[in-house]
Amino acid sequence: MPSQVELNSPLEYSIRVTNLTGAILSGVVVTEELPEDFE
């Protein structure tokens, strides 16, 4: 995540999901709850 961002300026961030096991993982679901004041 960025530490700070200016009002009405682009805000970009990334999410990395890593399989820690030696097997294939199926059915992984990622949910991101966005704040109200983020478009």
All heavy atoms as atom14 arrays in JSON, in Angstrom:
{
  "sequence": "MPSQVELNSPLEYSIRVTNLTGAILSGVVVTEELPEDFE",
  "atom14_mask": [
    [1, 1, 1, 1, 1, 1, 1, 1, 0, 0, 0, 0, 0, 0],
    [1, 1, 1, 1, 1, 1, 1, 0, 0, 0, 0, 0, 0, 0],
    [1, 1, 1, 1, 1, 1, 0, 0, 0, 0, 0, 0, 0, 0],
    [1, 1, 1, 1, 1, 1, 1, 1, 1, 0, 0, 0, 0, 0],
    [1, 1, 1, 1, 1, 1, 1, 0, 0, 0, 0, 0, 0, 0],
    [1, 1, 1, 1, 1, 1, 1, 1, 1, 0, 0, 0, 0, 0],
    [1, 1, 1, 1, 1, 1, 1, 1, 0, 0, 0, 0, 0, 0],
    [1, 1, 1, 1, 1, 1, 1, 1, 0, 0, 0, 0, 0, 0],
    [1, 1, 1, 1, 1, 1, 0, 0, 0, 0, 0, 0, 0, 0],
    [1, 1, 1, 1, 1, 1, 1, 0, 0, 0, 0, 0, 0, 0],
    [1, 1, 1, 1, 1, 1, 1, 1, 0, 0, 0, 0, 0, 0],
    [1, 1, 1, 1, 1, 1, 1, 1, 1, 0, 0, 0, 0, 0],
    [1, 1, 1, 1, 1, 1, 1, 1, 1, 1, 1, 1, 0, 0],
    [1, 1, 1, 1, 1, 1, 0, 0, 0, 0, 0, 0, 0, 0],
    [1, 1, 1, 1, 1, 1, 1, 1, 0, 0, 0, 0, 0, 0],
    [1, 1, 1, 1, 1, 1, 1, 1, 1, 1, 1, 0, 0, 0],
    [1, 1, 1, 1, 1, 1, 1, 0, 0, 0, 0, 0, 0, 0],
    [1, 1, 1, 1, 1, 1, 1, 0, 0, 0, 0, 0, 0, 0],
    [1, 1, 1, 1, 1, 1, 1, 1, 0, 0, 0, 0, 0, 0],
    [1, 1, 1, 1, 1, 1, 1, 1, 0, 0, 0, 0, 0, 0],
    [1, 1, 1, 1, 1, 1, 1, 0, 0, 0, 0, 0, 0, 0],
    [1, 1, 1, 1, 0, 0, 0, 0, 0, 0, 0, 0, 0, 0],
    [1, 1, 1, 1, 1, 0, 0, 0, 0, 0, 0, 0, 0, 0],
    [1, 1, 1, 1, 1, 1, 1, 1, 0, 0, 0, 0, 0, 0],
    [1, 1, 1, 1, 1, 1, 1, 1, 0, 0, 0, 0, 0, 0],
    [1, 1, 1, 1, 1, 1, 0, 0, 0, 0, 0, 0, 0, 0],
    [1, 1, 1, 1, 0, 0, 0, 0, 0, 0, 0, 0, 0, 0],
    [1, 1, 1, 1, 1, 1, 1, 0, 0, 0, 0, 0, 0, 0],
    [1, 1, 1, 1, 1, 1, 1, 0, 0, 0, 0, 0, 0, 0],
    [1, 1, 1, 1, 1, 1, 1, 0, 0, 0, 0, 0, 0, 0],
    [1, 1, 1, 1, 1, 1, 1, 0, 0, 0, 0, 0, 0, 0],
    [1, 1, 1, 1, 1, 1, 1, 1, 1, 0, 0, 0, 0, 0],
    [1, 1, 1, 1, 1, 1, 1, 1, 1, 0, 0, 0, 0, 0],
    [1, 1, 1, 1, 1, 1, 1, 1, 0, 0, 0, 0, 0, 0],
    [1, 1, 1, 1, 1, 1, 1, 0, 0, 0, 0, 0, 0, 0],
    [1, 1, 1, 1, 1, 1, 1, 1, 1, 0, 0, 0, 0, 0],
    [1, 1, 1, 1, 1, 1, 1, 1, 0, 0, 0, 0, 0, 0],
    [1, 1, 1, 1, 1, 1, 1, 1, 1, 1, 1, 0, 0, 0],
    [1, 1, 1, 1, 1, 1, 1, 1, 1, 0, 0, 0, 0, 0]
  ],
  "atom14_positions": [
    [[0.83, -1.2, 0.0], [0.0, 0.0, 0.0], [0.87, 1.26, 0.0], [1.97, 1.25, 0.57], [-0.89, 0.03, 1.25], [-1.81, -1.16, 1.42], [-3.16, -1.18, 0.2], [-4.06, 0.3, 0.68], [0.0, 0.0, 0.0], [0.0, 0.0, 0.0], [0.0, 0.0, 0.0], [0.0, 0.0, 0.0], [0.0, 0.0, 0.0], [0.0, 0.0, 0.0]],
    [[0.39, 2.36, -0.6], [1.11, 3.63, -0.45], [0.92, 4.16, 0.96], [-0.15, 4.0, 1.55], [0.45, 4.53, -1.51], [-0.92, 3.96, -1.67], [-0.8, 2.49, -1.47], [0.0, 0.0, 0.0], [0.0, 0.0, 0.0], [0.0, 0.0, 0.0], [0.0, 0.0, 0.0], [0.0, 0.0, 0.0], [0.0, 0.0, 0.0], [0.0, 0.0, 0.0]],
    [[1.94, 4.8, 1.49], [1.81, 5.38, 2.83], [0.88, 6.59, 2.82], [0.11, 6.8, 3.75], [3.19, 5.81, 3.35], [4.05, 4.69, 3.43], [0.0, 0.0, 0.0], [0.0, 0.0, 0.0], [0.0, 0.0, 0.0], [0.0, 0.0, 0.0], [0.0, 0.0, 0.0], [0.0, 0.0, 0.0], [0.0, 0.0, 0.0], [0.0, 0.0, 0.0]],
    [[0.94, 7.38, 1.77], [0.11, 8.58, 1.65], [-0.26, 8.79, 0.19], [0.42, 8.32, -0.72], [0.87, 9.82, 2.16], [1.22, 9.76, 3.64], [1.96, 11.02, 4.07], [2.62, 11.66, 3.25], [1.84, 11.37, 5.33], [0.0, 0.0, 0.0], [0.0, 0.0, 0.0], [0.0, 0.0, 0.0], [0.0, 0.0, 0.0], [0.0, 0.0, 0.0]],
    [[-1.36, 9.5, -0.01], [-1.77, 9.85, -1.36], [-2.51, 11.18, -1.31], [-3.19, 11.48, -0.32], [-2.67, 8.74, -1.96], [-3.98, 8.63, -1.22], [-2.9, 8.99, -3.45], [0.0, 0.0, 0.0], [0.0, 0.0, 0.0], [0.0, 0.0, 0.0], [0.0, 0.0, 0.0], [0.0, 0.0, 0.0], [0.0, 0.0, 0.0], [0.0, 0.0, 0.0]],
    [[-2.36, 11.96, -2.34], [-3.05, 13.24, -2.38], [-4.53, 13.06, -2.72], [-4.91, 12.13, -3.43], [-2.39, 14.16, -3.43], [-0.99, 14.61, -3.06], [-0.45, 15.63, -4.04], [-1.25, 16.1, -4.89], [0.73, 15.98, -3.95], [0.0, 0.0, 0.0], [0.0, 0.0, 0.0], [0.0, 0.0, 0.0], [0.0, 0.0, 0.0], [0.0, 0.0, 0.0]],
    [[-5.32, 13.96, -2.2], [-6.74, 13.95, -2.47], [-7.0, 14.06, -3.97], [-6.37, 14.86, -4.67], [-7.41, 15.14, -1.74], [-8.92, 15.27, -1.88], [-9.61, 14.1, -1.19], [-9.39, 16.6, -1.29], [0.0, 0.0, 0.0], [0.0, 0.0, 0.0], [0.0, 0.0, 0.0], [0.0, 0.0, 0.0], [0.0, 0.0, 0.0], [0.0, 0.0, 0.0]],
    [[-7.92, 13.2, -4.46], [-8.33, 13.18, -5.87], [-7.19, 12.8, -6.83], [-7.27, 13.09, -8.03], [-8.94, 14.53, -6.3], [-10.23, 14.82, -5.57], [-11.03, 13.92, -5.34], [-10.42, 16.08, -5.17], [0.0, 0.0, 0.0], [0.0, 0.0, 0.0], [0.0, 0.0, 0.0], [0.0, 0.0, 0.0], [0.0, 0.0, 0.0], [0.0, 0.0, 0.0]],
    [[-6.15, 12.21, -6.3], [-5.04, 11.73, -7.13], [-5.13, 10.2, -7.24], [-5.69, 9.53, -6.37], [-3.69, 12.13, -6.53], [-3.55, 13.53, -6.56], [0.0, 0.0, 0.0], [0.0, 0.0, 0.0], [0.0, 0.0, 0.0], [0.0, 0.0, 0.0], [0.0, 0.0, 0.0], [0.0, 0.0, 0.0], [0.0, 0.0, 0.0], [0.0, 0.0, 0.0]],
    [[-4.54, 9.62, -8.28], [-4.59, 8.17, -8.43], [-3.98, 7.44, -7.24], [-2.91, 7.83, -6.74], [-3.78, 7.92, -9.71], [-3.88, 9.2, -10.46], [-3.89, 10.28, -9.44], [0.0, 0.0, 0.0], [0.0, 0.0, 0.0], [0.0, 0.0, 0.0], [0.0, 0.0, 0.0], [0.0, 0.0, 0.0], [0.0, 0.0, 0.0], [0.0, 0.0, 0.0]],
    [[-4.66, 6.42, -6.79], [-4.19, 5.58, -5.68], [-4.13, 4.15, -6.2], [-5.15, 3.6, -6.63], [-5.16, 5.69, -4.49], [-4.75, 5.06, -3.15], [-5.61, 5.63, -2.03], [-4.87, 3.55, -3.17], [0.0, 0.0, 0.0], [0.0, 0.0, 0.0], [0.0, 0.0, 0.0], [0.0, 0.0, 0.0], [0.0, 0.0, 0.0], [0.0, 0.0, 0.0]],
    [[-2.96, 3.59, -6.18], [-2.78, 2.23, -6.68], [-2.11, 1.37, -5.62], [-1.22, 1.84, -4.91], [-1.92, 2.23, -7.95], [-2.54, 3.0, -9.11], [-1.65, 2.98, -10.34], [-0.49, 2.51, -10.23], [-2.09, 3.44, -11.41], [0.0, 0.0, 0.0], [0.0, 0.0, 0.0], [0.0, 0.0, 0.0], [0.0, 0.0, 0.0], [0.0, 0.0, 0.0]],
    [[-2.58, 0.13, -5.52], [-1.93, -0.82, -4.6], [-2.07, -2.23, -5.17], [-2.82, -2.46, -6.12], [-2.51, -0.72, -3.19], [-3.96, -1.11, -3.05], [-4.34, -2.4, -2.72], [-4.97, -0.16, -3.23], [-5.67, -2.76, -2.56], [-6.3, -0.5, -3.07], [-6.65, -1.81, -2.74], [-7.97, -2.15, -2.59], [0.0, 0.0, 0.0], [0.0, 0.0, 0.0]],
    [[-1.3, -3.16, -4.59], [-1.29, -4.53, -5.13], [-1.51, -5.55, -4.01], [-1.19, -5.3, -2.84], [0.04, -4.83, -5.83], [1.11, -4.8, -4.92], [0.0, 0.0, 0.0], [0.0, 0.0, 0.0], [0.0, 0.0, 0.0], [0.0, 0.0, 0.0], [0.0, 0.0, 0.0], [0.0, 0.0, 0.0], [0.0, 0.0, 0.0], [0.0, 0.0, 0.0]],
    [[-2.05, -6.68, -4.41], [-2.29, -7.81, -3.51], [-1.63, -9.03, -4.15], [-1.9, -9.36, -5.31], [-3.79, -8.07, -3.32], [-4.48, -6.84, -2.72], [-4.03, -9.29, -2.43], [-6.0, -6.93, -2.75], [0.0, 0.0, 0.0], [0.0, 0.0, 0.0], [0.0, 0.0, 0.0], [0.0, 0.0, 0.0], [0.0, 0.0, 0.0], [0.0, 0.0, 0.0]],
    [[-0.78, -9.69, -3.38], [-0.11, -10.91, -3.87], [-0.55, -12.08, -3.01], [-0.44, -12.04, -1.78], [1.41, -10.75, -3.82], [2.19, -11.96, -4.33], [3.69, -11.71, -4.19], [4.48, -12.85, -4.58], [4.92, -13.08, -5.82], [4.63, -12.22, -6.77], [5.65, -14.14, -6.1], [0.0, 0.0, 0.0], [0.0, 0.0, 0.0], [0.0, 0.0, 0.0]],
    [[-1.05, -13.14, -3.67], [-1.49, -14.34, -2.97], [-0.57, -15.48, -3.37], [-0.42, -15.78, -4.55], [-2.95, -14.68, -3.31], [-3.4, -15.95, -2.58], [-3.87, -13.52, -2.95], [0.0, 0.0, 0.0], [0.0, 0.0, 0.0], [0.0, 0.0, 0.0], [0.0, 0.0, 0.0], [0.0, 0.0, 0.0], [0.0, 0.0, 0.0], [0.0, 0.0, 0.0]],
    [[0.05, -16.13, -2.36], [1.05, -17.18, -2.62], [0.61, -18.49, -1.99], [0.21, -18.53, -0.82], [2.42, -16.78, -2.05], [2.81, -15.52, -2.59], [3.47, -17.82, -2.4], [0.0, 0.0, 0.0], [0.0, 0.0, 0.0], [0.0, 0.0, 0.0], [0.0, 0.0, 0.0], [0.0, 0.0, 0.0], [0.0, 0.0, 0.0], [0.0, 0.0, 0.0]],
    [[0.68, -19.56, -2.76], [0.43, -20.91, -2.25], [1.67, -21.38, -1.51], [2.74, -21.54, -2.1], [0.1, -21.84, -3.42], [-0.16, -23.28, -2.99], [-0.1, -23.6, -1.81], [-0.43, -24.14, -3.95], [0.0, 0.0, 0.0], [0.0, 0.0, 0.0], [0.0, 0.0, 0.0], [0.0, 0.0, 0.0], [0.0, 0.0, 0.0], [0.0, 0.0, 0.0]],
    [[1.55, -21.62, -0.22], [2.7, -22.02, 0.6], [2.92, -23.53, 0.6], [3.9, -24.0, 1.18], [2.5, -21.54, 2.04], [2.35, -20.03, 2.25], [2.09, -19.73, 3.72], [3.58, -19.28, 1.76], [0.0, 0.0, 0.0], [0.0, 0.0, 0.0], [0.0, 0.0, 0.0], [0.0, 0.0, 0.0], [0.0, 0.0, 0.0], [0.0, 0.0, 0.0]],
    [[2.03, -24.27, -0.03], [2.09, -25.72, 0.06], [2.73, -26.33, -1.19], [2.97, -25.65, -2.17], [0.68, -26.32, 0.23], [-0.03, -26.26, -1.03], [-0.12, -25.56, 1.27], [0.0, 0.0, 0.0], [0.0, 0.0, 0.0], [0.0, 0.0, 0.0], [0.0, 0.0, 0.0], [0.0, 0.0, 0.0], [0.0, 0.0, 0.0], [0.0, 0.0, 0.0]],
    [[2.96, -27.62, -1.12], [3.47, -28.36, -2.26], [2.39, -29.0, -3.09], [2.67, -29.83, -3.94], [0.0, 0.0, 0.0], [0.0, 0.0, 0.0], [0.0, 0.0, 0.0], [0.0, 0.0, 0.0], [0.0, 0.0, 0.0], [0.0, 0.0, 0.0], [0.0, 0.0, 0.0], [0.0, 0.0, 0.0], [0.0, 0.0, 0.0], [0.0, 0.0, 0.0]],
    [[1.12, -28.6, -2.84], [-0.01, -29.16, -3.58], [-0.73, -28.06, -4.34], [-0.54, -26.87, -4.08], [-0.97, -29.86, -2.61], [0.0, 0.0, 0.0], [0.0, 0.0, 0.0], [0.0, 0.0, 0.0], [0.0, 0.0, 0.0], [0.0, 0.0, 0.0], [0.0, 0.0, 0.0], [0.0, 0.0, 0.0], [0.0, 0.0, 0.0], [0.0, 0.0, 0.0]],
    [[-1.57, -28.44, -5.28], [-2.4, -27.48, -6.01], [-3.58, -27.08, -5.13], [-4.26, -27.94, -4.56], [-2.9, -28.08, -7.33], [-1.72, -28.4, -8.26], [-3.88, -27.14, -8.03], [-2.12, -29.11, -9.54], [0.0, 0.0, 0.0], [0.0, 0.0, 0.0], [0.0, 0.0, 0.0], [0.0, 0.0, 0.0], [0.0, 0.0, 0.0], [0.0, 0.0, 0.0]],
    [[-3.81, -25.79, -5.0], [-4.93, -25.29, -4.2], [-6.02, -24.77, -5.12], [-5.78, -23.91, -5.97], [-4.47, -24.17, -3.26], [-3.63, -24.56, -2.05], [-3.31, -23.34, -1.21], [-4.36, -25.59, -1.2], [0.0, 0.0, 0.0], [0.0, 0.0, 0.0], [0.0, 0.0, 0.0], [0.0, 0.0, 0.0], [0.0, 0.0, 0.0], [0.0, 0.0, 0.0]],
    [[-7.22, -25.29, -4.97], [-8.37, -24.83, -5.73], [-9.37, -24.18, -4.79], [-9.42, -24.48, -3.61], [-9.04, -26.01, -6.47], [-8.14, -26.61, -7.37], [0.0, 0.0, 0.0], [0.0, 0.0, 0.0], [0.0, 0.0, 0.0], [0.0, 0.0, 0.0], [0.0, 0.0, 0.0], [0.0, 0.0, 0.0], [0.0, 0.0, 0.0], [0.0, 0.0, 0.0]],
    [[-10.18, -23.28, -5.33], [-11.23, -22.67, -4.53], [-10.77, -21.53, -3.65], [-11.44, -21.2, -2.67], [0.0, 0.0, 0.0], [0.0, 0.0, 0.0], [0.0, 0.0, 0.0], [0.0, 0.0, 0.0], [0.0, 0.0, 0.0], [0.0, 0.0, 0.0], [0.0, 0.0, 0.0], [0.0, 0.0, 0.0], [0.0, 0.0, 0.0], [0.0, 0.0, 0.0]],
    [[-9.63, -20.9, -3.97], [-9.16, -19.75, -3.19], [-9.95, -18.51, -3.61], [-10.03, -18.2, -4.8], [-7.65, -19.51, -3.39], [-7.19, -18.29, -2.6], [-6.87, -20.76, -2.97], [0.0, 0.0, 0.0], [0.0, 0.0, 0.0], [0.0, 0.0, 0.0], [0.0, 0.0, 0.0], [0.0, 0.0, 0.0], [0.0, 0.0, 0.0], [0.0, 0.0, 0.0]],
    [[-10.54, -17.81, -2.64], [-11.35, -16.62, -2.91], [-10.78, -15.45, -2.12], [-10.55, -15.55, -0.91], [-12.82, -16.85, -2.52], [-13.65, -15.59, -2.78], [-13.4, -18.03, -3.28], [0.0, 0.0, 0.0], [0.0, 0.0, 0.0], [0.0, 0.0, 0.0], [0.0, 0.0, 0.0], [0.0, 0.0, 0.0], [0.0, 0.0, 0.0], [0.0, 0.0, 0.0]],
    [[-10.52, -14.35, -2.82], [-10.0, -13.13, -2.19], [-11.1, -12.07, -2.22], [-11.69, -11.81, -3.27], [-8.75, -12.61, -2.93], [-8.24, -11.32, -2.27], [-7.66, -13.67, -2.95], [0.0, 0.0, 0.0], [0.0, 0.0, 0.0], [0.0, 0.0, 0.0], [0.0, 0.0, 0.0], [0.0, 0.0, 0.0], [0.0, 0.0, 0.0], [0.0, 0.0, 0.0]],
    [[-11.38, -11.47, -1.06], [-12.39, -10.42, -0.95], [-11.74, -9.16, -0.41], [-11.04, -9.2, 0.61], [-13.53, -10.85, -0.02], [-14.11, -12.07, -0.5], [-14.62, -9.77, 0.03], [0.0, 0.0, 0.0], [0.0, 0.0, 0.0], [0.0, 0.0, 0.0], [0.0, 0.0, 0.0], [0.0, 0.0, 0.0], [0.0, 0.0, 0.0], [0.0, 0.0, 0.0]],
    [[-11.96, -8.05, -1.1], [-11.41, -6.76, -0.71], [-12.56, -5.8, -0.37], [-13.42, -5.52, -1.22], [-10.55, -6.18, -1.84], [-9.96, -4.82, -1.56], [-8.75, -4.88, -0.63], [-8.59, -5.9, 0.08], [-7.98, -3.92, -0.62], [0.0, 0.0, 0.0], [0.0, 0.0, 0.0], [0.0, 0.0, 0.0], [0.0, 0.0, 0.0], [0.0, 0.0, 0.0]],
    [[-12.6, -5.34, 0.88], [-13.61, -4.38, 1.32], [-13.04, -2.97, 1.13], [-12.08, -2.57, 1.8], [-13.97, -4.62, 2.78], [-14.58, -5.98, 3.07], [-15.97, -6.14, 2.49], [-16.61, -5.09, 2.21], [-16.4, -7.29, 2.29], [0.0, 0.0, 0.0], [0.0, 0.0, 0.0], [0.0, 0.0, 0.0], [0.0, 0.0, 0.0], [0.0, 0.0, 0.0]],
    [[-13.63, -2.22, 0.21], [-13.15, -0.87, -0.09], [-13.81, 0.15, 0.84], [-14.98, 0.01, 1.2], [-13.47, -0.51, -1.54], [-12.88, -1.44, -2.62], [-13.4, -1.03, -3.99], [-11.36, -1.42, -2.58], [0.0, 0.0, 0.0], [0.0, 0.0, 0.0], [0.0, 0.0, 0.0], [0.0, 0.0, 0.0], [0.0, 0.0, 0.0], [0.0, 0.0, 0.0]],
    [[-13.07, 1.2, 1.2], [-13.68, 2.26, 2.01], [-14.7, 3.06, 1.19], [-14.64, 3.1, -0.04], [-12.48, 3.11, 2.43], [-11.44, 2.84, 1.41], [-11.65, 1.43, 0.95], [0.0, 0.0, 0.0], [0.0, 0.0, 0.0], [0.0, 0.0, 0.0], [0.0, 0.0, 0.0], [0.0, 0.0, 0.0], [0.0, 0.0, 0.0], [0.0, 0.0, 0.0]],
    [[-15.62, 3.72, 1.88], [-16.68, 4.47, 1.21], [-16.13, 5.6, 0.34], [-16.68, 5.92, -0.71], [-17.65, 5.02, 2.24], [-18.53, 3.97, 2.9], [-19.47, 3.31, 1.9], [-19.9, 3.98, 0.94], [-19.78, 2.11, 2.07], [0.0, 0.0, 0.0], [0.0, 0.0, 0.0], [0.0, 0.0, 0.0], [0.0, 0.0, 0.0], [0.0, 0.0, 0.0]],
    [[-15.06, 6.23, 0.8], [-14.54, 7.42, 0.1], [-13.42, 7.07, -0.87], [-12.51, 7.86, -1.11], [-14.06, 8.45, 1.13], [-15.22, 8.94, 1.99], [-16.26, 9.3, 1.41], [-15.09, 8.93, 3.22], [0.0, 0.0, 0.0], [0.0, 0.0, 0.0], [0.0, 0.0, 0.0], [0.0, 0.0, 0.0], [0.0, 0.0, 0.0], [0.0, 0.0, 0.0]],
    [[-13.48, 5.85, -1.42], [-12.54, 5.43, -2.46], [-13.35, 5.03, -3.68], [-14.23, 4.17, -3.62], [-11.69, 4.25, -1.98], [-10.78, 3.68, -3.03], [-9.6, 4.32, -3.36], [-11.11, 2.5, -3.7], [-8.76, 3.79, -4.34], [-10.28, 1.97, -4.67], [-9.1, 2.62, -4.98], [0.0, 0.0, 0.0], [0.0, 0.0, 0.0], [0.0, 0.0, 0.0]],
    [[-13.06, 5.67, -4.79], [-13.74, 5.36, -6.05], [-12.82, 4.49, -6.89], [-11.78, 4.93, -7.37], [-14.07, 6.65, -6.8], [-14.8, 6.41, -8.11], [-15.02, 7.69, -8.91], [-14.73, 8.79, -8.37], [-15.45, 7.58, -10.06], [0.0, 0.0, 0.0], [0.0, 0.0, 0.0], [0.0, 0.0, 0.0], [0.0, 0.0, 0.0], [0.0, 0.0, 0.0]]
  ]
}
